Amino acid sequence: PVDLLFHETTYLDDRLADAIERGHSTATQAATVARDA
């Protein structure tokens, strides 16, 4: 539980396949990490 989390949001969900292939995250995935942390 940190006060501020910077988590990369290279792509949106429309490019989920690119995110997986290139080792990046979508905004949805970053938000999920923030919520769960």
PDB file of all heavy atoms in Angstrom:
ATOM      1  N   PRO A   1       0.815  -1.230   0.000  1.00  0.00           N
ATOM      2  CA  PRO A   1       0.000   0.000   0.000  1.00  0.00           C
ATOM      3  C   PRO A   1       0.843   1.272   0.000  1.00  0.00           C
ATOM      4  O   PRO A   1       1.187   1.825   1.044  1.00  0.00           O
ATOM      5  CB  PRO A   1      -0.813  -0.127   1.288  1.00  0.00           C
ATOM      6  CG  PRO A   1       0.034  -0.961   2.186  1.00  0.00           C
ATOM      7  CD  PRO A   1       0.762  -1.925   1.299  1.00  0.00           C
ATOM      8  N   VAL A   2       1.226   1.748  -1.169  1.00  0.00           N
ATOM      9  CA  VAL A   2       2.034   2.968  -1.283  1.00  0.00           C
ATOM     10  C   VAL A   2       1.139   4.195  -1.467  1.00  0.00           C
ATOM     11  O   VAL A   2      -0.019   4.093  -1.868  1.00  0.00           O
ATOM     12  CB  VAL A   2       3.015   2.865  -2.476  1.00  0.00           C
ATOM     13  CG1 VAL A   2       4.067   1.811  -2.209  1.00  0.00           C
ATOM     14  CG2 VAL A   2       2.265   2.561  -3.775  1.00  0.00           C
ATOM     15  N   ASP A   3       1.711   5.353  -1.178  1.00  0.00           N
ATOM     16  CA  ASP A   3       0.953   6.601  -1.347  1.00  0.00           C
ATOM     17  C   ASP A   3       0.767   6.944  -2.812  1.00  0.00           C
ATOM     18  O   ASP A   3      -0.276   7.459  -3.214  1.00  0.00           O
ATOM     19  CB  ASP A   3       1.671   7.749  -0.623  1.00  0.00           C
ATOM     20  CG  ASP A   3       1.611   7.589   0.880  1.00  0.00           C
ATOM     21  OD1 ASP A   3       0.607   8.014   1.473  1.00  0.00           O
ATOM     22  OD2 ASP A   3       2.550   7.018   1.467  1.00  0.00           O
ATOM     23  N   LEU A   4       1.793   6.678  -3.624  1.00  0.00           N
ATOM     24  CA  LEU A   4       1.709   6.943  -5.063  1.00  0.00           C
ATOM     25  C   LEU A   4       2.385   5.823  -5.818  1.00  0.00           C
ATOM     26  O   LEU A   4       3.516   5.445  -5.501  1.00  0.00           O
ATOM     27  CB  LEU A   4       2.379   8.278  -5.407  1.00  0.00           C
ATOM     28  CG  LEU A   4       2.439   8.635  -6.898  1.00  0.00           C
ATOM     29  CD1 LEU A   4       1.032   8.844  -7.460  1.00  0.00           C
ATOM     30  CD2 LEU A   4       3.293   9.887  -7.121  1.00  0.00           C
ATOM     31  N   LEU A   5       1.694   5.297  -6.810  1.00  0.00           N
ATOM     32  CA  LEU A   5       2.249   4.263  -7.678  1.00  0.00           C
ATOM     33  C   LEU A   5       2.317   4.787  -9.103  1.00  0.00           C
ATOM     34  O   LEU A   5       1.287   5.129  -9.692  1.00  0.00           O
ATOM     35  CB  LEU A   5       1.371   3.007  -7.640  1.00  0.00           C
ATOM     36  CG  LEU A   5       1.639   1.953  -8.735  1.00  0.00           C
ATOM     37  CD1 LEU A   5       3.038   1.365  -8.601  1.00  0.00           C
ATOM     38  CD2 LEU A   5       0.578   0.854  -8.710  1.00  0.00           C
ATOM     39  N   PHE A   6       3.532   4.899  -9.646  1.00  0.00           N
ATOM     40  CA  PHE A   6       3.668   5.068 -11.087  1.00  0.00           C
ATOM     41  C   PHE A   6       3.774   3.674 -11.683  1.00  0.00           C
ATOM     42  O   PHE A   6       4.669   2.898 -11.314  1.00  0.00           O
ATOM     43  CB  PHE A   6       4.918   5.873 -11.464  1.00  0.00           C
ATOM     44  CG  PHE A   6       5.233   5.765 -12.939  1.00  0.00           C
ATOM     45  CD1 PHE A   6       4.528   6.505 -13.862  1.00  0.00           C
ATOM     46  CD2 PHE A   6       6.207   4.878 -13.396  1.00  0.00           C
ATOM     47  CE1 PHE A   6       4.787   6.366 -15.232  1.00  0.00           C
ATOM     48  CE2 PHE A   6       6.483   4.735 -14.751  1.00  0.00           C
ATOM     49  CZ  PHE A   6       5.764   5.495 -15.667  1.00  0.00           C
ATOM     50  N   HIS A   7       2.859   3.354 -12.572  1.00  0.00           N
ATOM     51  CA  HIS A   7       2.900   2.073 -13.273  1.00  0.00           C
ATOM     52  C   HIS A   7       2.710   2.364 -14.748  1.00  0.00           C
ATOM     53  O   HIS A   7       1.755   3.023 -15.152  1.00  0.00           O
ATOM     54  CB  HIS A   7       1.798   1.139 -12.779  1.00  0.00           C
ATOM     55  CG  HIS A   7       1.924  -0.280 -13.267  1.00  0.00           C
ATOM     56  ND1 HIS A   7       1.860  -0.605 -14.608  1.00  0.00           N
ATOM     57  CD2 HIS A   7       2.105  -1.452 -12.599  1.00  0.00           C
ATOM     58  CE1 HIS A   7       1.989  -1.917 -14.742  1.00  0.00           C
ATOM     59  NE2 HIS A   7       2.142  -2.456 -13.544  1.00  0.00           N
ATOM     60  N   GLU A   8       3.642   1.887 -15.565  1.00  0.00           N
ATOM     61  CA  GLU A   8       3.565   2.177 -16.989  1.00  0.00           C
ATOM     62  C   GLU A   8       2.209   1.835 -17.584  1.00  0.00           C
ATOM     63  O   GLU A   8       1.592   0.828 -17.236  1.00  0.00           O
ATOM     64  CB  GLU A   8       4.668   1.431 -17.725  1.00  0.00           C
ATOM     65  CG  GLU A   8       4.492  -0.076 -17.814  1.00  0.00           C
ATOM     66  CD  GLU A   8       4.478  -0.576 -19.259  1.00  0.00           C
ATOM     67  OE1 GLU A   8       3.444  -0.374 -19.932  1.00  0.00           O
ATOM     68  OE2 GLU A   8       5.479  -1.172 -19.691  1.00  0.00           O
ATOM     69  N   THR A   9       1.734   2.697 -18.484  1.00  0.00           N
ATOM     70  CA  THR A   9       0.487   2.471 -19.227  1.00  0.00           C
ATOM     71  C   THR A   9       0.814   2.716 -20.708  1.00  0.00           C
ATOM     72  O   THR A   9       0.352   3.684 -21.294  1.00  0.00           O
ATOM     73  CB  THR A   9      -0.624   3.424 -18.753  1.00  0.00           C
ATOM     74  OG1 THR A   9      -0.140   4.794 -18.839  1.00  0.00           O
ATOM     75  CG2 THR A   9      -1.016   3.155 -17.321  1.00  0.00           C
ATOM     76  N   THR A  10       1.610   1.836 -21.271  1.00  0.00           N
ATOM     77  CA  THR A  10       2.048   2.035 -22.651  1.00  0.00           C
ATOM     78  C   THR A  10       0.885   1.950 -23.627  1.00  0.00           C
ATOM     79  O   THR A  10       0.821   2.708 -24.603  1.00  0.00           O
ATOM     80  CB  THR A  10       3.121   0.991 -23.028  1.00  0.00           C
ATOM     81  OG1 THR A  10       4.193   1.065 -22.092  1.00  0.00           O
ATOM     82  CG2 THR A  10       3.664   1.234 -24.425  1.00  0.00           C
ATOM     83  N   TYR A  11      -0.055   1.030 -23.362  1.00  0.00           N
ATOM     84  CA  TYR A  11      -1.147   0.790 -24.297  1.00  0.00           C
ATOM     85  C   TYR A  11      -2.505   0.868 -23.602  1.00  0.00           C
ATOM     86  O   TYR A  11      -2.605   0.825 -22.371  1.00  0.00           O
ATOM     87  CB  TYR A  11      -1.010  -0.603 -24.924  1.00  0.00           C
ATOM     88  CG  TYR A  11       0.221  -0.789 -25.774  1.00  0.00           C
ATOM     89  CD1 TYR A  11       1.304  -1.542 -25.312  1.00  0.00           C
ATOM     90  CD2 TYR A  11       0.312  -0.229 -27.052  1.00  0.00           C
ATOM     91  CE1 TYR A  11       2.432  -1.734 -26.099  1.00  0.00           C
ATOM     92  CE2 TYR A  11       1.443  -0.421 -27.835  1.00  0.00           C
ATOM     93  CZ  TYR A  11       2.498  -1.170 -27.357  1.00  0.00           C
ATOM     94  OH  TYR A  11       3.608  -1.349 -28.130  1.00  0.00           O
ATOM     95  N   LEU A  12      -3.527   0.958 -24.429  1.00  0.00           N
ATOM     96  CA  LEU A  12      -4.904   0.770 -23.988  1.00  0.00           C
ATOM     97  C   LEU A  12      -5.292  -0.675 -24.285  1.00  0.00           C
ATOM     98  O   LEU A  12      -4.545  -1.414 -24.934  1.00  0.00           O
ATOM     99  CB  LEU A  12      -5.838   1.733 -24.719  1.00  0.00           C
ATOM    100  CG  LEU A  12      -5.554   3.233 -24.506  1.00  0.00           C
ATOM    101  CD1 LEU A  12      -6.418   4.069 -25.437  1.00  0.00           C
ATOM    102  CD2 LEU A  12      -5.782   3.622 -23.054  1.00  0.00           C
ATOM    103  N   ASP A  13      -6.457  -1.067 -23.845  1.00  0.00           N
ATOM    104  CA  ASP A  13      -6.884  -2.458 -24.039  1.00  0.00           C
ATOM    105  C   ASP A  13      -7.011  -2.842 -25.508  1.00  0.00           C
ATOM    106  O   ASP A  13      -6.974  -4.025 -25.851  1.00  0.00           O
ATOM    107  CB  ASP A  13      -8.222  -2.696 -23.328  1.00  0.00           C
ATOM    108  CG  ASP A  13      -8.041  -2.926 -21.835  1.00  0.00           C
ATOM    109  OD1 ASP A  13      -6.895  -3.173 -21.405  1.00  0.00           O
ATOM    110  OD2 ASP A  13      -9.031  -2.833 -21.091  1.00  0.00           O
ATOM    111  N   ASP A  14      -7.151  -1.846 -26.392  1.00  0.00           N
ATOM    112  CA  ASP A  14      -7.267  -2.160 -27.819  1.00  0.00           C
ATOM    113  C   ASP A  14      -5.964  -2.725 -28.377  1.00  0.00           C
ATOM    114  O   ASP A  14      -5.933  -3.296 -29.475  1.00  0.00           O
ATOM    115  CB  ASP A  14      -7.689  -0.917 -28.609  1.00  0.00           C
ATOM    116  CG  ASP A  14      -6.634   0.187 -28.587  1.00  0.00           C
ATOM    117  OD1 ASP A  14      -5.801   0.195 -27.658  1.00  0.00           O
ATOM    118  OD2 ASP A  14      -6.651   1.045 -29.503  1.00  0.00           O
ATOM    119  N   ARG A  15      -4.871  -2.568 -27.625  1.00  0.00           N
ATOM    120  CA  ARG A  15      -3.573  -3.087 -28.062  1.00  0.00           C
ATOM    121  C   ARG A  15      -3.026  -4.102 -27.051  1.00  0.00           C
ATOM    122  O   ARG A  15      -1.804  -4.195 -26.849  1.00  0.00           O
ATOM    123  CB  ARG A  15      -2.579  -1.933 -28.213  1.00  0.00           C
ATOM    124  CG  ARG A  15      -2.939  -0.963 -29.321  1.00  0.00           C
ATOM    125  CD  ARG A  15      -2.534  -1.500 -30.672  1.00  0.00           C
ATOM    126  NE  ARG A  15      -2.922  -0.607 -31.747  1.00  0.00           N
ATOM    127  CZ  ARG A  15      -2.612  -0.790 -33.029  1.00  0.00           C
ATOM    128  NH1 ARG A  15      -1.893  -1.845 -33.363  1.00  0.00           N
ATOM    129  NH2 ARG A  15      -3.012   0.058 -33.955  1.00  0.00           N
ATOM    130  N   LEU A  16      -3.908  -4.855 -26.447  1.00  0.00           N
ATOM    131  CA  LEU A  16      -3.496  -5.825 -25.436  1.00  0.00           C
ATOM    132  C   LEU A  16      -2.504  -6.840 -26.017  1.00  0.00           C
ATOM    133  O   LEU A  16      -1.527  -7.217 -25.358  1.00  0.00           O
ATOM    134  CB  LEU A  16      -4.715  -6.557 -24.863  1.00  0.00           C
ATOM    135  CG  LEU A  16      -4.424  -7.652 -23.825  1.00  0.00           C
ATOM    136  CD1 LEU A  16      -3.676  -7.079 -22.630  1.00  0.00           C
ATOM    137  CD2 LEU A  16      -5.716  -8.331 -23.394  1.00  0.00           C
ATOM    138  N   ALA A  17      -2.729  -7.269 -27.255  1.00  0.00           N
ATOM    139  CA  ALA A  17      -1.824  -8.242 -27.882  1.00  0.00           C
ATOM    140  C   ALA A  17      -0.419  -7.661 -28.017  1.00  0.00           C
ATOM    141  O   ALA A  17       0.580  -8.353 -27.785  1.00  0.00           O
ATOM    142  CB  ALA A  17      -2.363  -8.658 -29.245  1.00  0.00           C
ATOM    143  N   ASP A  18      -0.323  -6.377 -28.380  1.00  0.00           N
ATOM    144  CA  ASP A  18       0.986  -5.729 -28.476  1.00  0.00           C
ATOM    145  C   ASP A  18       1.648  -5.639 -27.106  1.00  0.00           C
ATOM    146  O   ASP A  18       2.864  -5.823 -26.970  1.00  0.00           O
ATOM    147  CB  ASP A  18       0.837  -4.320 -29.060  1.00  0.00           C
ATOM    148  CG  ASP A  18       0.481  -4.343 -30.540  1.00  0.00           C
ATOM    149  OD1 ASP A  18       0.745  -5.370 -31.190  1.00  0.00           O
ATOM    150  OD2 ASP A  18      -0.061  -3.338 -31.031  1.00  0.00           O
ATOM    151  N   ALA A  19       0.861  -5.333 -26.080  1.00  0.00           N
ATOM    152  CA  ALA A  19       1.395  -5.232 -24.721  1.00  0.00           C
ATOM    153  C   ALA A  19       2.003  -6.560 -24.283  1.00  0.00           C
ATOM    154  O   ALA A  19       3.116  -6.601 -23.740  1.00  0.00           O
ATOM    155  CB  ALA A  19       0.292  -4.799 -23.754  1.00  0.00           C
ATOM    156  N   ILE A  20       1.299  -7.636 -24.543  1.00  0.00           N
ATOM    157  CA  ILE A  20       1.789  -8.961 -24.154  1.00  0.00           C
ATOM    158  C   ILE A  20       3.063  -9.313 -24.921  1.00  0.00           C
ATOM    159  O   ILE A  20       4.047  -9.789 -24.344  1.00  0.00           O
ATOM    160  CB  ILE A  20       0.702 -10.027 -24.394  1.00  0.00           C
ATOM    161  CG1 ILE A  20      -0.492  -9.777 -23.452  1.00  0.00           C
ATOM    162  CG2 ILE A  20       1.265 -11.429 -24.195  1.00  0.00           C
ATOM    163  CD1 ILE A  20      -1.697 -10.655 -23.750  1.00  0.00           C
ATOM    164  N   GLU A  21       3.052  -9.045 -26.222  1.00  0.00           N
ATOM    165  CA  GLU A  21       4.204  -9.396 -27.069  1.00  0.00           C
ATOM    166  C   GLU A  21       5.448  -8.598 -26.694  1.00  0.00           C
ATOM    167  O   GLU A  21       6.571  -9.132 -26.692  1.00  0.00           O
ATOM    168  CB  GLU A  21       3.857  -9.142 -28.533  1.00  0.00           C
ATOM    169  CG  GLU A  21       5.000  -9.440 -29.492  1.00  0.00           C
ATOM    170  CD  GLU A  21       4.666  -9.075 -30.936  1.00  0.00           C
ATOM    171  OE1 GLU A  21       3.500  -8.702 -31.200  1.00  0.00           O
ATOM    172  OE2 GLU A  21       5.582  -9.152 -31.780  1.00  0.00           O
ATOM    173  N   ARG A  22       5.280  -7.321 -26.325  1.00  0.00           N
ATOM    174  CA  ARG A  22       6.424  -6.435 -26.118  1.00  0.00           C
ATOM    175  C   ARG A  22       6.782  -6.206 -24.648  1.00  0.00           C
ATOM    176  O   ARG A  22       7.663  -5.407 -24.335  1.00  0.00           O
ATOM    177  CB  ARG A  22       6.142  -5.093 -26.802  1.00  0.00           C
ATOM    178  CG  ARG A  22       5.970  -5.264 -28.309  1.00  0.00           C
ATOM    179  CD  ARG A  22       5.462  -4.020 -28.984  1.00  0.00           C
ATOM    180  NE  ARG A  22       5.192  -4.281 -30.401  1.00  0.00           N
ATOM    181  CZ  ARG A  22       4.645  -3.406 -31.232  1.00  0.00           C
ATOM    182  NH1 ARG A  22       4.314  -2.190 -30.792  1.00  0.00           N
ATOM    183  NH2 ARG A  22       4.441  -3.722 -32.491  1.00  0.00           N
ATOM    184  N   GLY A  23       6.104  -6.910 -23.755  1.00  0.00           N
ATOM    185  CA  GLY A  23       6.431  -6.779 -22.349  1.00  0.00           C
ATOM    186  C   GLY A  23       6.005  -5.461 -21.747  1.00  0.00           C
ATOM    187  O   GLY A  23       6.758  -4.834 -20.994  1.00  0.00           O
ATOM    188  N   HIS A  24       4.780  -5.033 -22.074  1.00  0.00           N
ATOM    189  CA  HIS A  24       4.240  -3.783 -21.541  1.00  0.00           C
ATOM    190  C   HIS A  24       2.866  -4.030 -20.931  1.00  0.00           C
ATOM    191  O   HIS A  24       2.335  -5.145 -20.968  1.00  0.00           O
ATOM    192  CB  HIS A  24       4.157  -2.718 -22.636  1.00  0.00           C
ATOM    193  CG  HIS A  24       5.492  -2.168 -23.032  1.00  0.00           C
ATOM    194  ND1 HIS A  24       6.277  -1.437 -22.173  1.00  0.00           N
ATOM    195  CD2 HIS A  24       6.190  -2.253 -24.207  1.00  0.00           C
ATOM    196  CE1 HIS A  24       7.392  -1.088 -22.783  1.00  0.00           C
ATOM    197  NE2 HIS A  24       7.372  -1.575 -24.021  1.00  0.00           N
ATOM    198  N   SER A  25       2.292  -2.970 -20.383  1.00  0.00           N
ATOM    199  CA  SER A  25       0.986  -3.072 -19.721  1.00  0.00           C
ATOM    200  C   SER A  25       0.001  -2.094 -20.320  1.00  0.00           C
ATOM    201  O   SER A  25       0.383  -1.072 -20.911  1.00  0.00           O
ATOM    202  CB  SER A  25       1.127  -2.779 -18.214  1.00  0.00           C
ATOM    203  OG  SER A  25       1.966  -3.704 -17.580  1.00  0.00           O
ATOM    204  N   THR A  26      -1.281  -2.399 -20.140  1.00  0.00           N
ATOM    205  CA  THR A  26      -2.340  -1.480 -20.524  1.00  0.00           C
ATOM    206  C   THR A  26      -2.748  -0.647 -19.318  1.00  0.00           C
ATOM    207  O   THR A  26      -2.392  -0.950 -18.169  1.00  0.00           O
ATOM    208  CB  THR A  26      -3.570  -2.241 -21.042  1.00  0.00           C
ATOM    209  OG1 THR A  26      -4.174  -2.954 -19.945  1.00  0.00           O
ATOM    210  CG2 THR A  26      -3.196  -3.207 -22.156  1.00  0.00           C
ATOM    211  N   ALA A  27      -3.529   0.403 -19.571  1.00  0.00           N
ATOM    212  CA  ALA A  27      -4.019   1.251 -18.481  1.00  0.00           C
ATOM    213  C   ALA A  27      -4.885   0.442 -17.526  1.00  0.00           C
ATOM    214  O   ALA A  27      -4.834   0.636 -16.303  1.00  0.00           O
ATOM    215  CB  ALA A  27      -4.802   2.432 -19.047  1.00  0.00           C
ATOM    216  N   THR A  28      -5.664  -0.482 -18.062  1.00  0.00           N
ATOM    217  CA  THR A  28      -6.506  -1.334 -17.212  1.00  0.00           C
ATOM    218  C   THR A  28      -5.647  -2.197 -16.289  1.00  0.00           C
ATOM    219  O   THR A  28      -5.939  -2.347 -15.096  1.00  0.00           O
ATOM    220  CB  THR A  28      -7.403  -2.238 -18.083  1.00  0.00           C
ATOM    221  OG1 THR A  28      -8.307  -1.420 -18.822  1.00  0.00           O
ATOM    222  CG2 THR A  28      -8.190  -3.217 -17.228  1.00  0.00           C
ATOM    223  N   GLN A  29      -4.588  -2.760 -16.827  1.00  0.00           N
ATOM    224  CA  GLN A  29      -3.712  -3.614 -16.024  1.00  0.00           C
ATOM    225  C   GLN A  29      -2.997  -2.807 -14.942  1.00  0.00           C
ATOM    226  O   GLN A  29      -2.861  -3.264 -13.804  1.00  0.00           O
ATOM    227  CB  GLN A  29      -2.713  -4.326 -16.932  1.00  0.00           C
ATOM    228  CG  GLN A  29      -3.357  -5.369 -17.827  1.00  0.00           C
ATOM    229  CD  GLN A  29      -2.404  -5.936 -18.865  1.00  0.00           C
ATOM    230  OE1 GLN A  29      -1.469  -5.259 -19.311  1.00  0.00           O
ATOM    231  NE2 GLN A  29      -2.628  -7.178 -19.258  1.00  0.00           N
ATOM    232  N   ALA A  30      -2.543  -1.617 -15.279  1.00  0.00           N
ATOM    233  CA  ALA A  30      -1.890  -0.763 -14.283  1.00  0.00           C
ATOM    234  C   ALA A  30      -2.857  -0.412 -13.161  1.00  0.00           C
ATOM    235  O   ALA A  30      -2.500  -0.424 -11.974  1.00  0.00           O
ATOM    236  CB  ALA A  30      -1.371   0.513 -14.938  1.00  0.00           C
ATOM    237  N   ALA A  31      -4.087  -0.096 -13.521  1.00  0.00           N
ATOM    238  CA  ALA A  31      -5.100   0.240 -12.523  1.00  0.00           C
ATOM    239  C   ALA A  31      -5.412  -0.965 -11.636  1.00  0.00           C
ATOM    240  O   ALA A  31      -5.672  -0.812 -10.434  1.00  0.00           O
ATOM    241  CB  ALA A  31      -6.359   0.732 -13.209  1.00  0.00           C
ATOM    242  N   THR A  32      -5.379  -2.148 -12.214  1.00  0.00           N
ATOM    243  CA  THR A  32      -5.618  -3.370 -11.435  1.00  0.00           C
ATOM    244  C   THR A  32      -4.533  -3.563 -10.391  1.00  0.00           C
ATOM    245  O   THR A  32      -4.812  -3.914  -9.241  1.00  0.00           O
ATOM    246  CB  THR A  32      -5.679  -4.592 -12.376  1.00  0.00           C
ATOM    247  OG1 THR A  32      -6.731  -4.400 -13.335  1.00  0.00           O
ATOM    248  CG2 THR A  32      -5.947  -5.867 -11.587  1.00  0.00           C
ATOM    249  N   VAL A  33      -3.269  -3.317 -10.776  1.00  0.00           N
ATOM    250  CA  VAL A  33      -2.164  -3.417  -9.824  1.00  0.00           C
ATOM    251  C   VAL A  33      -2.329  -2.385  -8.714  1.00  0.00           C
ATOM    252  O   VAL A  33      -2.136  -2.691  -7.530  1.00  0.00           O
ATOM    253  CB  VAL A  33      -0.806  -3.239 -10.536  1.00  0.00           C
ATOM    254  CG1 VAL A  33       0.334  -3.181  -9.513  1.00  0.00           C
ATOM    255  CG2 VAL A  33      -0.564  -4.361 -11.526  1.00  0.00           C
ATOM    256  N   ALA A  34      -2.695  -1.160  -9.067  1.00  0.00           N
ATOM    257  CA  ALA A  34      -2.887  -0.100  -8.068  1.00  0.00           C
ATOM    258  C   ALA A  34      -3.983  -0.489  -7.088  1.00  0.00           C
ATOM    259  O   ALA A  34      -3.834  -0.328  -5.869  1.00  0.00           O
ATOM    260  CB  ALA A  34      -3.220   1.213  -8.762  1.00  0.00           C
ATOM    261  N   ARG A  35      -5.079  -0.985  -7.614  1.00  0.00           N
ATOM    262  CA  ARG A  35      -6.206  -1.408  -6.756  1.00  0.00           C
ATOM    263  C   ARG A  35      -5.788  -2.544  -5.827  1.00  0.00           C
ATOM    264  O   ARG A  35      -6.029  -2.485  -4.612  1.00  0.00           O
ATOM    265  CB  ARG A  35      -7.374  -1.861  -7.634  1.00  0.00           C
ATOM    266  CG  ARG A  35      -8.608  -2.323  -6.866  1.00  0.00           C
ATOM    267  CD  ARG A  35      -9.520  -3.135  -7.767  1.00  0.00           C
ATOM    268  NE  ARG A  35      -8.883  -4.397  -8.195  1.00  0.00           N
ATOM    269  CZ  ARG A  35      -9.305  -5.142  -9.221  1.00  0.00           C
ATOM    270  NH1 ARG A  35     -10.348  -4.758  -9.934  1.00  0.00           N
ATOM    271  NH2 ARG A  35      -8.683  -6.276  -9.521  1.00  0.00           N
ATOM    272  N   ASP A  36      -5.140  -3.560  -6.371  1.00  0.00           N
ATOM    273  CA  ASP A  36      -4.784  -4.729  -5.575  1.00  0.00           C
ATOM    274  C   ASP A  36      -3.669  -4.439  -4.568  1.00  0.00           C
ATOM    275  O   ASP A  36      -3.576  -5.100  -3.534  1.00  0.00           O
ATOM    276  CB  ASP A  36      -4.363  -5.878  -6.503  1.00  0.00           C
ATOM    277  CG  ASP A  36      -5.512  -6.368  -7.379  1.00  0.00           C
ATOM    278  OD1 ASP A  36      -6.676  -5.996  -7.091  1.00  0.00           O
ATOM    279  OD2 ASP A  36      -5.251  -7.108  -8.346  1.00  0.00           O
ATOM    280  N   ALA A  37      -2.817  -3.449  -4.874  1.00  0.00           N
ATOM    281  CA  ALA A  37      -1.729  -3.096  -3.965  1.00  0.00           C
ATOM    282  C   ALA A  37      -2.214  -2.223  -2.810  1.00  0.00           C
ATOM    283  O   ALA A  37      -1.524  -2.091  -1.808  1.00  0.00           O
ATOM    284  CB  ALA A  37      -0.623  -2.373  -4.723  1.00  0.00           C
TER     285      ALA A  37
END
